[in-house]
Amino acid sequence: MTAQDKRDAARNKRGAADVDQGDNKNARKRLEKAFDIQEKVLDADDPSAAATYHNKAGVYYNQGEYDKALVWYEKALAIDEKVLGKEHPDTAATYNNMGDVYRAQGDLKEALEWFGKALAIYEKVLGKEHPNTAAAYGNIGKVYQAQGDSKNALEWHEKALAVFEKVLPPEHPDTATTYNNIAGVYYTQGDFTTALEWIGKALRIDHKVLGPNHPHYLQILGNAAYAHERAGRAEPFESWLEKTLAGE
């Protein structure tokens, strides 16, 4: 790797970190600079260009500019399929990203198709007990949930949970996310008591692993407060939360 390649890679990494932290303005500046350089010096099928396309798409996705995000994911996908092949896990990851965008747009039929493509690769290449496969199960579950199909949503989330609980360390955040997804299904069914039980499982993990100030924990905490209210619990929420976090 040349010195210029290293600088471009570092700029991409910084840009991706900005995306994760929500600093989209800063991310866009860095990624556009990286892209301008790479467009001049790299072959159109270079995987480094695909990485920049992914990062740029992520910026647009986080800003809610889904049509633009799709354009850049499609550019990345063209490289992935040509260079890596249509059965490579990285290609599957791009399919998954496409599904996320369509789901965000409300095009659930298209989202299900892309998530299904990703799942087929993960099951074939990585196996049915891999975390990426489990995540794909969960994505499909969220589409069914959005469609109002609670039966299928619960089935897919439970498939994801079975894998996560088997292959991940105890108290992993991905397991907590699946607990929360299952809670969401029960919530939409109006079963707030069961929903609260699953949210409690998620809260215990996130509080311990991520900490009480982490955005994901705080989001689930808000869900718990609302479910607690809808369940009509006589016990104050603060008391329930203290017992839940203590594992009682």
Protein backbone atom coordinates (compact mmCIF):
# COMPACT_ATOMS: atom_id res chain seq x y z
CA MET A 1 0.00 0.00 0.00
CA THR A 2 1.38 3.39 -1.01
CA ALA A 3 1.47 6.39 1.29
CA GLN A 4 -1.44 7.87 -0.67
CA ASP A 5 -3.43 4.65 -0.30
CA LYS A 6 -2.86 4.77 3.45
CA ARG A 7 -4.05 8.36 3.63
CA ASP A 8 -7.16 7.51 1.61
CA ALA A 9 -7.90 4.50 3.81
CA ALA A 10 -7.48 6.60 6.94
CA ARG A 11 -9.79 9.25 5.52
CA ASN A 12 -12.40 6.59 4.78
CA LYS A 13 -12.11 5.23 8.31
CA ARG A 14 -12.54 8.70 9.79
CA GLY A 15 -15.50 9.29 7.53
CA ALA A 16 -17.10 6.01 8.55
CA ALA A 17 -16.54 6.87 12.22
CA ASP A 18 -18.24 10.22 11.67
CA VAL A 19 -21.20 8.39 10.14
CA ASP A 20 -21.47 6.12 13.19
CA GLN A 21 -21.36 9.14 15.48
CA GLY A 22 -23.96 11.02 13.48
CA ASP A 23 -21.54 13.75 12.33
CA ASN A 24 -22.87 13.67 8.79
CA LYS A 25 -21.62 17.09 7.70
CA ASN A 26 -18.04 16.26 8.64
CA ALA A 27 -18.36 12.74 7.23
CA ARG A 28 -19.59 13.99 3.88
CA LYS A 29 -16.67 16.39 3.52
CA ARG A 30 -14.08 13.71 4.26
CA LEU A 31 -15.70 11.05 2.14
CA GLU A 32 -16.21 13.35 -0.82
CA LYS A 33 -12.54 14.29 -0.66
CA ALA A 34 -11.58 10.62 -0.55
CA PHE A 35 -13.91 9.84 -3.42
CA ASP A 36 -12.55 12.65 -5.57
CA ILE A 37 -9.03 11.30 -5.11
CA GLN A 38 -10.00 7.68 -5.70
CA GLU A 39 -12.02 8.50 -8.79
CA LYS A 40 -8.86 9.90 -10.34
CA VAL A 41 -6.37 7.23 -9.32
CA LEU A 42 -8.31 3.99 -8.89
CA ASP A 43 -9.79 1.60 -11.37
CA ALA A 44 -13.58 1.74 -11.48
CA ASP A 45 -13.77 -1.79 -10.08
CA ASP A 46 -11.34 -1.24 -7.22
CA PRO A 47 -12.73 -2.51 -3.86
CA SER A 48 -11.42 0.68 -2.22
CA ALA A 49 -13.86 2.66 -4.33
CA ALA A 50 -16.65 0.32 -3.21
CA ALA A 51 -15.76 1.04 0.42
CA THR A 52 -16.07 4.76 -0.21
CA TYR A 53 -19.41 4.24 -1.98
CA HIS A 54 -20.65 2.33 1.08
CA ASN A 55 -19.57 5.07 3.43
CA LYS A 56 -21.10 7.80 1.31
CA ALA A 57 -24.36 5.85 1.09
CA GLY A 58 -24.33 5.56 4.87
CA VAL A 59 -24.14 9.32 5.21
CA TYR A 60 -27.16 9.79 2.96
CA TYR A 61 -29.03 7.03 4.79
CA ASN A 62 -28.45 8.68 8.17
CA GLN A 63 -29.69 11.96 6.75
CA GLY A 64 -32.85 10.35 5.45
CA GLU A 65 -31.87 10.90 1.81
CA TYR A 66 -32.77 7.37 0.84
CA ASP A 67 -32.83 7.79 -2.93
CA LYS A 68 -29.24 9.05 -2.87
CA ALA A 69 -28.24 6.26 -0.50
CA LEU A 70 -29.60 3.71 -2.98
CA VAL A 71 -27.58 5.25 -5.81
CA TRP A 72 -24.32 4.79 -3.92
CA TYR A 73 -25.16 1.33 -2.60
CA GLU A 74 -25.94 0.28 -6.17
CA LYS A 75 -22.51 1.57 -7.27
CA ALA A 76 -20.89 -0.43 -4.47
CA LEU A 77 -22.97 -3.49 -5.32
CA ALA A 78 -21.84 -3.43 -8.95
CA ILE A 79 -18.23 -3.69 -7.77
CA ASP A 80 -18.99 -6.29 -5.10
CA GLU A 81 -20.78 -8.58 -7.55
CA LYS A 82 -18.09 -8.21 -10.21
CA VAL A 83 -15.01 -8.46 -8.01
CA LEU A 84 -16.18 -10.64 -5.11
CA GLY A 85 -19.01 -12.55 -6.75
CA LYS A 86 -22.69 -12.92 -5.96
CA GLU A 87 -22.17 -15.36 -3.11
CA HIS A 88 -19.64 -13.43 -1.04
CA PRO A 89 -20.54 -12.27 2.49
CA ASP A 90 -19.55 -8.69 1.62
CA THR A 91 -21.95 -8.78 -1.30
CA ALA A 92 -24.61 -10.06 1.08
CA ALA A 93 -23.87 -7.12 3.38
CA THR A 94 -24.60 -4.76 0.50
CA TYR A 95 -27.86 -6.59 -0.23
CA ASN A 96 -28.69 -6.12 3.44
CA ASN A 97 -27.95 -2.40 3.27
CA MET A 98 -30.23 -2.11 0.25
CA GLY A 99 -32.95 -3.83 2.25
CA ASP A 100 -32.48 -1.35 5.09
CA VAL A 101 -32.99 1.56 2.72
CA TYR A 102 -36.13 0.11 1.18
CA ARG A 103 -37.52 -0.67 4.63
CA ALA A 104 -36.85 2.91 5.70
CA GLN A 105 -38.71 4.10 2.58
CA GLY A 106 -41.65 1.89 3.48
CA ASP A 107 -41.21 -0.36 0.44
CA LEU A 108 -41.53 -3.54 2.48
CA LYS A 109 -41.92 -5.90 -0.46
CA GLU A 110 -38.63 -4.72 -1.95
CA ALA A 111 -36.96 -4.77 1.48
CA LEU A 112 -38.00 -8.40 2.00
CA GLU A 113 -36.55 -9.34 -1.37
CA TRP A 114 -33.14 -7.82 -0.61
CA PHE A 115 -33.00 -9.24 2.90
CA GLY A 116 -33.87 -12.61 1.42
CA LYS A 117 -30.95 -12.36 -1.00
CA ALA A 118 -28.60 -11.58 1.87
CA LEU A 119 -29.96 -14.45 3.94
CA ALA A 120 -29.52 -16.97 1.13
CA ILE A 121 -25.82 -16.13 0.91
CA TYR A 122 -25.25 -16.13 4.65
CA GLU A 123 -26.92 -19.51 5.10
CA LYS A 124 -24.98 -21.05 2.22
CA VAL A 125 -21.56 -19.53 2.91
CA LEU A 126 -21.53 -18.91 6.66
CA GLY A 127 -24.09 -21.43 7.84
CA LYS A 128 -27.34 -21.20 9.75
CA GLU A 129 -25.68 -20.61 13.10
CA HIS A 130 -23.63 -17.53 12.25
CA PRO A 131 -24.35 -14.09 13.78
CA ASN A 132 -24.74 -12.54 10.31
CA THR A 133 -27.34 -15.15 9.45
CA ALA A 134 -29.16 -14.45 12.70
CA ALA A 135 -29.12 -10.72 11.97
CA ALA A 136 -30.71 -11.46 8.58
CA TYR A 137 -33.42 -13.47 10.32
CA GLY A 138 -34.08 -10.46 12.52
CA ASN A 139 -34.26 -8.08 9.57
CA ILE A 140 -36.88 -10.25 7.92
CA GLY A 141 -38.75 -10.36 11.21
CA LYS A 142 -38.85 -6.56 11.33
CA VAL A 143 -40.30 -6.42 7.82
CA TYR A 144 -43.09 -8.81 8.76
CA GLN A 145 -43.69 -6.80 11.90
CA ALA A 146 -44.00 -3.62 9.83
CA GLN A 147 -46.48 -5.46 7.61
CA GLY A 148 -48.58 -6.31 10.67
CA ASP A 149 -47.84 -10.03 10.35
CA SER A 150 -47.11 -10.76 14.01
CA LYS A 151 -47.00 -14.53 13.58
CA ASN A 152 -44.23 -14.49 11.00
CA ALA A 153 -42.44 -11.63 12.74
CA LEU A 154 -42.26 -13.57 15.99
CA GLU A 155 -41.12 -16.71 14.19
CA TRP A 156 -38.20 -14.93 12.51
CA HIS A 157 -37.16 -13.06 15.64
CA GLU A 158 -37.18 -16.31 17.60
CA LYS A 159 -34.97 -17.89 14.92
CA ALA A 160 -32.54 -15.02 15.34
CA LEU A 161 -32.63 -15.33 19.12
CA ALA A 162 -31.91 -19.07 19.05
CA VAL A 163 -28.72 -18.44 17.08
CA PHE A 164 -27.58 -15.44 19.09
CA GLU A 165 -28.07 -17.22 22.40
CA LYS A 166 -26.12 -20.20 21.10
CA VAL A 167 -23.14 -18.56 19.39
CA LEU A 168 -22.67 -15.19 21.12
CA PRO A 169 -21.25 -14.56 24.58
CA PRO A 170 -23.82 -14.21 27.35
CA GLU A 171 -25.33 -10.75 27.66
CA HIS A 172 -24.44 -9.61 24.15
CA PRO A 173 -26.05 -6.40 22.79
CA ASP A 174 -27.30 -8.23 19.68
CA THR A 175 -29.22 -10.59 21.93
CA ALA A 176 -30.67 -7.59 23.77
CA THR A 177 -31.76 -6.08 20.47
CA THR A 178 -33.58 -9.30 19.60
CA TYR A 179 -35.31 -9.32 22.98
CA ASN A 180 -36.48 -5.80 22.23
CA ASN A 181 -37.67 -6.82 18.76
CA ILE A 182 -39.72 -9.65 20.26
CA ALA A 183 -41.13 -7.21 22.79
CA GLY A 184 -42.20 -5.00 19.90
CA VAL A 185 -44.25 -7.81 18.38
CA TYR A 186 -46.11 -8.45 21.63
CA TYR A 187 -46.59 -4.72 22.04
CA THR A 188 -48.28 -4.40 18.65
CA GLN A 189 -50.53 -7.31 19.64
CA GLY A 190 -51.60 -5.39 22.73
CA ASP A 191 -49.93 -7.86 25.10
CA PHE A 192 -48.10 -5.22 27.11
CA THR A 193 -47.34 -7.49 30.06
CA THR A 194 -45.41 -9.96 27.91
CA ALA A 195 -43.79 -7.10 26.01
CA LEU A 196 -42.56 -5.65 29.29
CA GLU A 197 -41.00 -8.99 30.27
CA TRP A 198 -38.95 -9.07 27.07
CA ILE A 199 -37.99 -5.42 27.35
CA GLY A 200 -36.75 -6.14 30.85
CA LYS A 201 -34.41 -8.79 29.48
CA ALA A 202 -33.03 -6.28 26.98
CA LEU A 203 -32.63 -3.58 29.62
CA ARG A 204 -30.59 -5.81 31.93
CA ILE A 205 -28.07 -6.57 29.19
CA ASP A 206 -27.75 -3.05 27.83
CA HIS A 207 -27.48 -1.49 31.28
CA LYS A 208 -24.67 -3.86 32.19
CA VAL A 209 -22.82 -3.97 28.86
CA LEU A 210 -23.46 -0.55 27.31
CA GLY A 211 -24.12 1.52 30.41
CA PRO A 212 -27.04 3.69 31.58
CA ASN A 213 -26.17 6.62 29.31
CA HIS A 214 -25.92 4.71 26.04
CA PRO A 215 -28.48 5.80 23.40
CA HIS A 216 -29.66 2.23 22.81
CA TYR A 217 -30.29 1.67 26.52
CA LEU A 218 -32.12 4.97 26.80
CA GLN A 219 -34.28 4.10 23.80
CA ILE A 220 -35.29 0.77 25.30
CA LEU A 221 -35.84 2.47 28.66
CA GLY A 222 -38.39 4.73 26.99
CA ASN A 223 -40.10 1.70 25.47
CA ALA A 224 -40.21 0.09 28.89
CA ALA A 225 -41.79 3.12 30.53
CA TYR A 226 -44.51 3.25 27.89
CA ALA A 227 -45.18 -0.50 28.04
CA HIS A 228 -45.30 -0.33 31.84
CA GLU A 229 -47.93 2.39 31.63
CA ARG A 230 -49.99 0.54 29.00
CA ALA A 231 -49.79 -2.69 31.03
CA GLY A 232 -51.55 -0.87 33.89
CA ARG A 233 -49.00 -1.87 36.51
CA ALA A 234 -49.78 -0.64 40.02
CA GLU A 235 -46.11 -0.80 40.96
CA PRO A 236 -44.24 2.45 40.20
CA PHE A 237 -42.02 2.25 37.14
CA GLU A 238 -38.90 3.17 39.11
CA SER A 239 -39.49 0.27 41.47
CA TRP A 240 -40.06 -2.13 38.57
CA LEU A 241 -36.91 -0.92 36.86
CA GLU A 242 -34.77 -1.36 39.99
CA LYS A 243 -35.98 -4.93 40.45
CA THR A 244 -35.57 -5.69 36.73
CA LEU A 245 -31.98 -4.47 36.60
CA ALA A 246 -31.22 -6.50 39.72
CA GLY A 247 -32.55 -9.61 37.97
CA GLU A 248 -35.45 -10.09 40.37
